[in-house]
PDB file of N, CA and C in Angstrom:
ATOM      1  N   MET A   1     -16.696  24.707   7.253  1.00  0.00           N
ATOM      2  CA  MET A   1     -15.938  24.150   8.145  1.00  0.00           C
ATOM      3  C   MET A   1     -16.004  24.863   9.542  1.00  0.00           C
ATOM      4  N   HIS A   2     -15.815  24.206  10.732  1.00  0.00           N
ATOM      5  CA  HIS A   2     -16.066  25.098  11.901  1.00  0.00           C
ATOM      6  C   HIS A   2     -14.515  25.726  11.821  1.00  0.00           C
ATOM      7  N   ASP A   3     -14.683  26.832  12.929  1.00  0.00           N
ATOM      8  CA  ASP A   3     -13.408  27.706  12.793  1.00  0.00           C
ATOM      9  C   ASP A   3     -11.995  27.279  13.407  1.00  0.00           C
ATOM     10  N   SER A   4     -12.492  26.225  14.446  1.00  0.00           N
ATOM     11  CA  SER A   4     -11.224  25.507  15.008  1.00  0.00           C
ATOM     12  C   SER A   4     -10.569  24.458  13.997  1.00  0.00           C
ATOM     13  N   GLU A   5     -11.032  24.096  12.993  1.00  0.00           N
ATOM     14  CA  GLU A   5     -10.631  23.109  12.037  1.00  0.00           C
ATOM     15  C   GLU A   5      -9.502  23.638  11.075  1.00  0.00           C
ATOM     16  N   SER A   6      -8.630  22.959  10.743  1.00  0.00           N
ATOM     17  CA  SER A   6      -7.504  23.411   9.781  1.00  0.00           C
ATOM     18  C   SER A   6      -8.058  23.611   8.331  1.00  0.00           C
ATOM     19  N   ASP A   7      -7.678  24.360   7.734  1.00  0.00           N
ATOM     20  CA  ASP A   7      -7.715  24.413   6.127  1.00  0.00           C
ATOM     21  C   ASP A   7      -6.985  23.793   5.015  1.00  0.00           C
ATOM     22  N   THR A   8      -5.952  23.092   5.799  1.00  0.00           N
ATOM     23  CA  THR A   8      -4.850  22.568   5.259  1.00  0.00           C
ATOM     24  C   THR A   8      -5.082  20.797   5.180  1.00  0.00           C
ATOM     25  N   PHE A   9      -5.126  20.383   3.898  1.00  0.00           N
ATOM     26  CA  PHE A   9      -5.437  19.017   4.028  1.00  0.00           C
ATOM     27  C   PHE A   9      -4.005  18.507   3.598  1.00  0.00           C
ATOM     28  N   VAL A  10      -3.413  17.298   4.151  1.00  0.00           N
ATOM     29  CA  VAL A  10      -2.144  16.505   3.433  1.00  0.00           C
ATOM     30  C   VAL A  10      -2.506  15.483   2.724  1.00  0.00           C
ATOM     31  N   TYR A  11      -2.138  15.153   1.465  1.00  0.00           N
ATOM     32  CA  TYR A  11      -2.483  14.338   0.545  1.00  0.00           C
ATOM     33  C   TYR A  11      -1.529  13.382   1.093  1.00  0.00           C
ATOM     34  N   LYS A  12      -1.995  12.268   1.319  1.00  0.00           N
ATOM     35  CA  LYS A  12      -1.084  10.759   1.523  1.00  0.00           C
ATOM     36  C   LYS A  12      -1.527   9.865   0.794  1.00  0.00           C
ATOM     37  N   THR A  13      -0.363   9.025   0.144  1.00  0.00           N
ATOM     38  CA  THR A  13      -0.685   7.914  -0.777  1.00  0.00           C
ATOM     39  C   THR A  13      -1.036   6.666   0.220  1.00  0.00           C
ATOM     40  N   TRP A  14      -1.612   5.421  -0.429  1.00  0.00           N
ATOM     41  CA  TRP A  14      -1.872   4.492   0.341  1.00  0.00           C
ATOM     42  C   TRP A  14      -1.023   3.461   0.859  1.00  0.00           C
ATOM     43  N   PRO A  15       0.490   3.758   0.574  1.00  0.00           N
ATOM     44  CA  PRO A  15       1.323   2.968   1.330  1.00  0.00           C
ATOM     45  C   PRO A  15       1.867   3.894   2.673  1.00  0.00           C
ATOM     46  N   GLU A  16       1.514   5.352   2.421  1.00  0.00           N
ATOM     47  CA  GLU A  16       1.962   6.214   3.798  1.00  0.00           C
ATOM     48  C   GLU A  16       0.729   6.129   4.685  1.00  0.00           C
ATOM     49  N   LYS A  17      -0.471   5.924   4.177  1.00  0.00           N
ATOM     50  CA  LYS A  17      -1.658   5.533   5.182  1.00  0.00           C
ATOM     51  C   LYS A  17      -1.166   4.404   5.803  1.00  0.00           C
ATOM     52  N   PHE A  18      -0.971   3.166   5.083  1.00  0.00           N
ATOM     53  CA  PHE A  18      -1.003   1.936   5.915  1.00  0.00           C
ATOM     54  C   PHE A  18       0.391   1.980   6.772  1.00  0.00           C
ATOM     55  N   SER A  19       1.293   2.686   6.446  1.00  0.00           N
ATOM     56  CA  SER A  19       2.476   2.992   7.367  1.00  0.00           C
ATOM     57  C   SER A  19       2.297   3.339   8.567  1.00  0.00           C
ATOM     58  N   ASP A  20       1.477   4.535   8.626  1.00  0.00           N
ATOM     59  CA  ASP A  20       1.103   5.264   9.751  1.00  0.00           C
ATOM     60  C   ASP A  20       0.113   4.583  10.645  1.00  0.00           C
ATOM     61  N   MET A  21      -0.751   3.445  10.037  1.00  0.00           N
ATOM     62  CA  MET A  21      -1.451   2.753  10.769  1.00  0.00           C
ATOM     63  C   MET A  21      -0.879   1.681  11.622  1.00  0.00           C
ATOM     64  N   LEU A  22       0.194   0.823  10.801  1.00  0.00           N
ATOM     65  CA  LEU A  22       0.950   0.304  11.362  1.00  0.00           C
ATOM     66  C   LEU A  22       1.744   0.696  12.791  1.00  0.00           C
ATOM     67  N   LYS A  23       2.308   1.981  12.287  1.00  0.00           N
ATOM     68  CA  LYS A  23       3.110   2.684  13.658  1.00  0.00           C
ATOM     69  C   LYS A  23       2.331   3.078  14.917  1.00  0.00           C
ATOM     70  N   GLU A  24       0.986   3.164  14.922  1.00  0.00           N
ATOM     71  CA  GLU A  24       0.059   3.147  15.682  1.00  0.00           C
ATOM     72  C   GLU A  24      -0.017   2.187  16.713  1.00  0.00           C
ATOM     73  N   ILE A  25       0.118   1.063  15.995  1.00  0.00           N
ATOM     74  CA  ILE A  25       0.403  -0.370  16.853  1.00  0.00           C
ATOM     75  C   ILE A  25       1.100  -0.908  17.159  1.00  0.00           C
ATOM     76  N   GLY A  26       2.467   0.127  16.869  1.00  0.00           N
ATOM     77  CA  GLY A  26       3.892  -0.434  17.454  1.00  0.00           C
ATOM     78  C   GLY A  26       4.478  -1.124  16.340  1.00  0.00           C
ATOM     79  N   VAL A  27       4.319  -1.379  15.239  1.00  0.00           N
ATOM     80  CA  VAL A  27       5.102  -1.879  14.022  1.00  0.00           C
ATOM     81  C   VAL A  27       5.996  -0.888  13.107  1.00  0.00           C
ATOM     82  N   ASP A  28       7.124  -1.039  13.287  1.00  0.00           N
ATOM     83  CA  ASP A  28       8.047  -0.342  12.504  1.00  0.00           C
ATOM     84  C   ASP A  28       8.148  -0.847  10.986  1.00  0.00           C
ATOM     85  N   SER A  29       7.652   0.254  10.080  1.00  0.00           N
ATOM     86  CA  SER A  29       7.640   0.047   8.619  1.00  0.00           C
ATOM     87  C   SER A  29       8.059   1.348   7.786  1.00  0.00           C
ATOM     88  N   GLU A  30       8.407   1.121   6.705  1.00  0.00           N
ATOM     89  CA  GLU A  30       8.673   2.185   5.725  1.00  0.00           C
ATOM     90  C   GLU A  30       8.268   2.155   4.385  1.00  0.00           C
ATOM     91  N   PHE A  31       7.354   3.243   3.894  1.00  0.00           N
ATOM     92  CA  PHE A  31       6.834   3.019   2.415  1.00  0.00           C
ATOM     93  C   PHE A  31       7.730   3.207   1.784  1.00  0.00           C
ATOM     94  N   LYS A  32       7.511   2.693   0.393  1.00  0.00           N
ATOM     95  CA  LYS A  32       8.322   3.215  -0.636  1.00  0.00           C
ATOM     96  C   LYS A  32       7.673   3.422  -1.981  1.00  0.00           C
ATOM     97  N   GLU A  33       8.411   4.199  -2.986  1.00  0.00           N
ATOM     98  CA  GLU A  33       7.883   4.851  -4.159  1.00  0.00           C
ATOM     99  C   GLU A  33       7.286   3.558  -4.885  1.00  0.00           C
ATOM    100  N   ILE A  34       5.886   3.869  -5.858  1.00  0.00           N
ATOM    101  CA  ILE A  34       5.144   2.882  -6.456  1.00  0.00           C
ATOM    102  C   ILE A  34       6.082   2.543  -7.602  1.00  0.00           C
ATOM    103  N   GLY A  35       6.312   1.539  -7.888  1.00  0.00           N
ATOM    104  CA  GLY A  35       7.122   0.717  -8.874  1.00  0.00           C
ATOM    105  C   GLY A  35       8.860   0.360  -8.857  1.00  0.00           C
ATOM    106  N   THR A  36       8.970   0.515  -7.605  1.00  0.00           N
ATOM    107  CA  THR A  36      10.540   0.402  -7.098  1.00  0.00           C
ATOM    108  C   THR A  36      11.064  -1.023  -7.153  1.00  0.00           C
ATOM    109  N   TYR A  37       9.941  -1.888  -6.986  1.00  0.00           N
ATOM    110  CA  TYR A  37      10.431  -3.090  -6.541  1.00  0.00           C
ATOM    111  C   TYR A  37       9.993  -3.959  -7.825  1.00  0.00           C
ATOM    112  N   ASP A  38      10.564  -5.299  -7.508  1.00  0.00           N
ATOM    113  CA  ASP A  38      10.468  -6.272  -8.851  1.00  0.00           C
ATOM    114  C   ASP A  38       9.068  -7.158  -8.707  1.00  0.00           C
ATOM    115  N   ILE A  39       8.748  -7.181  -7.600  1.00  0.00           N
ATOM    116  CA  ILE A  39       7.362  -7.921  -7.431  1.00  0.00           C
ATOM    117  C   ILE A  39       6.305  -7.216  -8.188  1.00  0.00           C
ATOM    118  N   GLU A  40       6.319  -5.760  -8.361  1.00  0.00           N
ATOM    119  CA  GLU A  40       5.109  -4.919  -8.679  1.00  0.00           C
ATOM    120  C   GLU A  40       5.068  -5.229 -10.378  1.00  0.00           C
ATOM    121  N   LYS A  41       6.150  -5.584 -10.946  1.00  0.00           N
ATOM    122  CA  LYS A  41       5.888  -5.642 -12.499  1.00  0.00           C
ATOM    123  C   LYS A  41       5.595  -7.055 -12.814  1.00  0.00           C
ATOM    124  N   GLY A  42       5.097  -8.047 -12.082  1.00  0.00           N
ATOM    125  CA  GLY A  42       4.407  -9.160 -12.613  1.00  0.00           C
ATOM    126  C   GLY A  42       2.893  -9.453 -12.535  1.00  0.00           C
ATOM    127  N   ASP A  43       2.273 -10.585 -12.936  1.00  0.00           N
ATOM    128  CA  ASP A  43       0.970 -10.652 -12.885  1.00  0.00           C
ATOM    129  C   ASP A  43       0.543 -10.899 -11.604  1.00  0.00           C
ATOM    130  N   TYR A  44      -0.354 -10.362 -11.043  1.00  0.00           N
ATOM    131  CA  TYR A  44      -0.879 -10.434  -9.652  1.00  0.00           C
ATOM    132  C   TYR A  44      -1.714 -11.651  -9.456  1.00  0.00           C
ATOM    133  N   TYR A  45      -2.504 -12.372 -10.531  1.00  0.00           N
ATOM    134  CA  TYR A  45      -3.438 -13.356 -10.569  1.00  0.00           C
ATOM    135  C   TYR A  45      -3.468 -14.042 -11.910  1.00  0.00           C
ATOM    136  N   SER A  46      -3.601 -15.540 -11.437  1.00  0.00           N
ATOM    137  CA  SER A  46      -3.538 -16.235 -12.388  1.00  0.00           C
ATOM    138  C   SER A  46      -4.680 -15.740 -13.651  1.00  0.00           C
ATOM    139  N   ARG A  47      -4.412 -16.103 -14.947  1.00  0.00           N
ATOM    140  CA  ARG A  47      -5.106 -15.744 -16.194  1.00  0.00           C
ATOM    141  C   ARG A  47      -6.067 -17.012 -16.416  1.00  0.00           C
ATOM    142  N   TYR A  48      -5.740 -18.058 -15.865  1.00  0.00           N
ATOM    143  CA  TYR A  48      -6.622 -19.481 -16.369  1.00  0.00           C
ATOM    144  C   TYR A  48      -7.772 -19.619 -15.288  1.00  0.00           C
ATOM    145  N   PHE A  49      -8.059 -18.826 -14.914  1.00  0.00           N
ATOM    146  CA  PHE A  49      -9.382 -19.219 -13.955  1.00  0.00           C
ATOM    147  C   PHE A  49     -10.544 -17.799 -14.212  1.00  0.00           C
ATOM    148  N   SER A  50     -11.529 -18.056 -14.491  1.00  0.00           N
ATOM    149  CA  SER A  50     -12.583 -17.167 -15.102  1.00  0.00           C
ATOM    150  C   SER A  50     -13.004 -16.118 -13.918  1.00  0.00           C
ATOM    151  N   GLN A  51     -13.026 -16.598 -12.705  1.00  0.00           N
ATOM    152  CA  GLN A  51     -13.396 -15.704 -11.649  1.00  0.00           C
ATOM    153  C   GLN A  51     -12.334 -14.661 -11.027  1.00  0.00           C
ATOM    154  N   THR A  52     -10.928 -14.695 -11.590  1.00  0.00           N
ATOM    155  CA  THR A  52      -9.939 -13.844 -11.172  1.00  0.00           C
ATOM    156  C   THR A  52     -10.041 -12.493 -11.814  1.00  0.00           C
ATOM    157  N   PRO A  53      -9.873 -11.324 -11.507  1.00  0.00           N
ATOM    158  CA  PRO A  53      -9.864 -10.149 -12.130  1.00  0.00           C
ATOM    159  C   PRO A  53      -8.767  -9.822 -13.108  1.00  0.00           C
ATOM    160  N   ARG A  54      -9.070  -9.166 -14.108  1.00  0.00           N
ATOM    161  CA  ARG A  54      -8.205  -9.062 -15.080  1.00  0.00           C
ATOM    162  C   ARG A  54      -7.494  -7.628 -14.856  1.00  0.00           C
ATOM    163  N   MET A  55      -8.179  -6.692 -14.648  1.00  0.00           N
ATOM    164  CA  MET A  55      -7.393  -5.358 -14.079  1.00  0.00           C
ATOM    165  C   MET A  55      -7.427  -5.485 -12.585  1.00  0.00           C
ATOM    166  N   VAL A  56      -5.970  -5.235 -12.265  1.00  0.00           N
ATOM    167  CA  VAL A  56      -5.405  -5.009 -10.792  1.00  0.00           C
ATOM    168  C   VAL A  56      -4.471  -3.803 -10.676  1.00  0.00           C
ATOM    169  N   THR A  57      -4.570  -2.723 -10.196  1.00  0.00           N
ATOM    170  CA  THR A  57      -4.029  -1.867  -9.780  1.00  0.00           C
ATOM    171  C   THR A  57      -3.110  -1.731  -8.780  1.00  0.00           C
ATOM    172  N   ASN A  58      -1.549  -1.472  -8.984  1.00  0.00           N
ATOM    173  CA  ASN A  58      -0.545  -1.503  -8.026  1.00  0.00           C
ATOM    174  C   ASN A  58      -0.794  -0.251  -7.065  1.00  0.00           C
ATOM    175  N   LYS A  59      -0.578  -0.361  -5.948  1.00  0.00           N
ATOM    176  CA  LYS A  59      -0.997   0.902  -5.059  1.00  0.00           C
ATOM    177  C   LYS A  59       0.188   1.291  -4.154  1.00  0.00           C
ATOM    178  N   GLY A  60       1.671   0.238  -4.560  1.00  0.00           N
ATOM    179  CA  GLY A  60       2.771   0.524  -3.917  1.00  0.00           C
ATOM    180  C   GLY A  60       2.947  -0.574  -2.850  1.00  0.00           C
ATOM    181  N   CYS A  61       4.141  -0.654  -1.990  1.00  0.00           N
ATOM    182  CA  CYS A  61       4.835  -1.660  -1.327  1.00  0.00           C
ATOM    183  C   CYS A  61       5.126  -0.530   0.151  1.00  0.00           C
ATOM    184  N   ILE A  62       5.124  -1.692   1.005  1.00  0.00           N
ATOM    185  CA  ILE A  62       5.779  -1.286   2.463  1.00  0.00           C
ATOM    186  C   ILE A  62       6.482  -1.942   3.016  1.00  0.00           C
ATOM    187  N   ASP A  63       7.959  -1.592   3.463  1.00  0.00           N
ATOM    188  CA  ASP A  63       8.877  -2.596   4.181  1.00  0.00           C
ATOM    189  C   ASP A  63       8.374  -2.591   5.528  1.00  0.00           C
ATOM    190  N   VAL A  64       8.386  -3.974   6.137  1.00  0.00           N
ATOM    191  CA  VAL A  64       8.171  -4.164   7.535  1.00  0.00           C
ATOM    192  C   VAL A  64       9.411  -4.707   8.279  1.00  0.00           C
ATOM    193  N   LYS A  65       9.824  -3.984   9.422  1.00  0.00           N
ATOM    194  CA  LYS A  65      11.108  -4.002  10.110  1.00  0.00           C
ATOM    195  C   LYS A  65      10.891  -4.987  11.352  1.00  0.00           C
ATOM    196  N   ASN A  66      11.749  -5.850  11.460  1.00  0.00           N
ATOM    197  CA  ASN A  66      11.867  -6.478  12.881  1.00  0.00           C
ATOM    198  C   ASN A  66      10.890  -7.523  12.745  1.00  0.00           C
ATOM    199  N   SER A  67      10.315  -8.163  11.543  1.00  0.00           N
ATOM    200  CA  SER A  67       9.184  -8.961  11.413  1.00  0.00           C
ATOM    201  C   SER A  67       9.445 -10.292  10.513  1.00  0.00           C
ATOM    202  N   ASN A  68       8.975 -11.287  10.436  1.00  0.00           N
ATOM    203  CA  ASN A  68       8.963 -12.441   9.350  1.00  0.00           C
ATOM    204  C   ASN A  68       8.441 -12.079   8.059  1.00  0.00           C
ATOM    205  N   ILE A  69       7.775 -10.725   8.117  1.00  0.00           N
ATOM    206  CA  ILE A  69       7.127 -10.236   6.901  1.00  0.00           C
ATOM    207  C   ILE A  69       8.294  -9.214   6.044  1.00  0.00           C
ATOM    208  N   ASP A  70       8.602  -9.345   4.856  1.00  0.00           N
ATOM    209  CA  ASP A  70       9.792  -8.188   4.569  1.00  0.00           C
ATOM    210  C   ASP A  70       8.868  -7.250   3.979  1.00  0.00           C
ATOM    211  N   THR A  71       8.089  -7.400   3.105  1.00  0.00           N
ATOM    212  CA  THR A  71       7.457  -6.591   2.153  1.00  0.00           C
ATOM    213  C   THR A  71       5.727  -6.839   1.940  1.00  0.00           C
ATOM    214  N   ILE A  72       4.871  -6.049   1.998  1.00  0.00           N
ATOM    215  CA  ILE A  72       3.683  -5.846   1.904  1.00  0.00           C
ATOM    216  C   ILE A  72       3.162  -5.063   0.717  1.00  0.00           C
ATOM    217  N   GLN A  73       2.572  -5.646  -0.260  1.00  0.00           N
ATOM    218  CA  GLN A  73       2.057  -4.816  -1.466  1.00  0.00           C
ATOM    219  C   GLN A  73       0.592  -4.898  -1.411  1.00  0.00           C
ATOM    220  N   ILE A  74       0.712  -3.605  -1.700  1.00  0.00           N
ATOM    221  CA  ILE A  74      -0.824  -3.011  -1.760  1.00  0.00           C
ATOM    222  C   ILE A  74      -1.492  -3.127  -3.194  1.00  0.00           C
ATOM    223  N   ILE A  75      -2.590  -3.658  -3.302  1.00  0.00           N
ATOM    224  CA  ILE A  75      -2.838  -3.866  -4.764  1.00  0.00           C
ATOM    225  C   ILE A  75      -4.288  -3.717  -4.496  1.00  0.00           C
ATOM    226  N   GLN A  76      -5.049  -2.698  -5.905  1.00  0.00           N
ATOM    227  CA  GLN A  76      -6.476  -2.911  -5.970  1.00  0.00           C
ATOM    228  C   GLN A  76      -7.118  -3.579  -7.173  1.00  0.00           C
ATOM    229  N   LYS A  77      -8.063  -4.301  -6.878  1.00  0.00           N
ATOM    230  CA  LYS A  77      -8.563  -5.329  -8.111  1.00  0.00           C
ATOM    231  C   LYS A  77     -10.005  -4.633  -8.395  1.00  0.00           C
ATOM    232  N   GLY A  78     -10.562  -4.657  -9.893  1.00  0.00           N
ATOM    233  CA  GLY A  78     -11.717  -4.330  -9.978  1.00  0.00           C
ATOM    234  C   GLY A  78     -11.846  -4.272 -11.640  1.00  0.00           C
TER     235      GLY A  78
END
């Protein structure tokens, strides 16, 4: 590292990162802990079609304020 760079790294979860990105463009949002919403507990995709992934990882949720969108869920498929 260069001398002018800090040696401290701040760990952020995916909801924290997306919430910060939304704040940069003027959207007020608040990240929540993983597993605190009922929508996180169900299946994400239909199991009837062969092209849908079976393994989906929940990365958390973001509450969006003053918008038609209430909650954004971040998932990872693979």
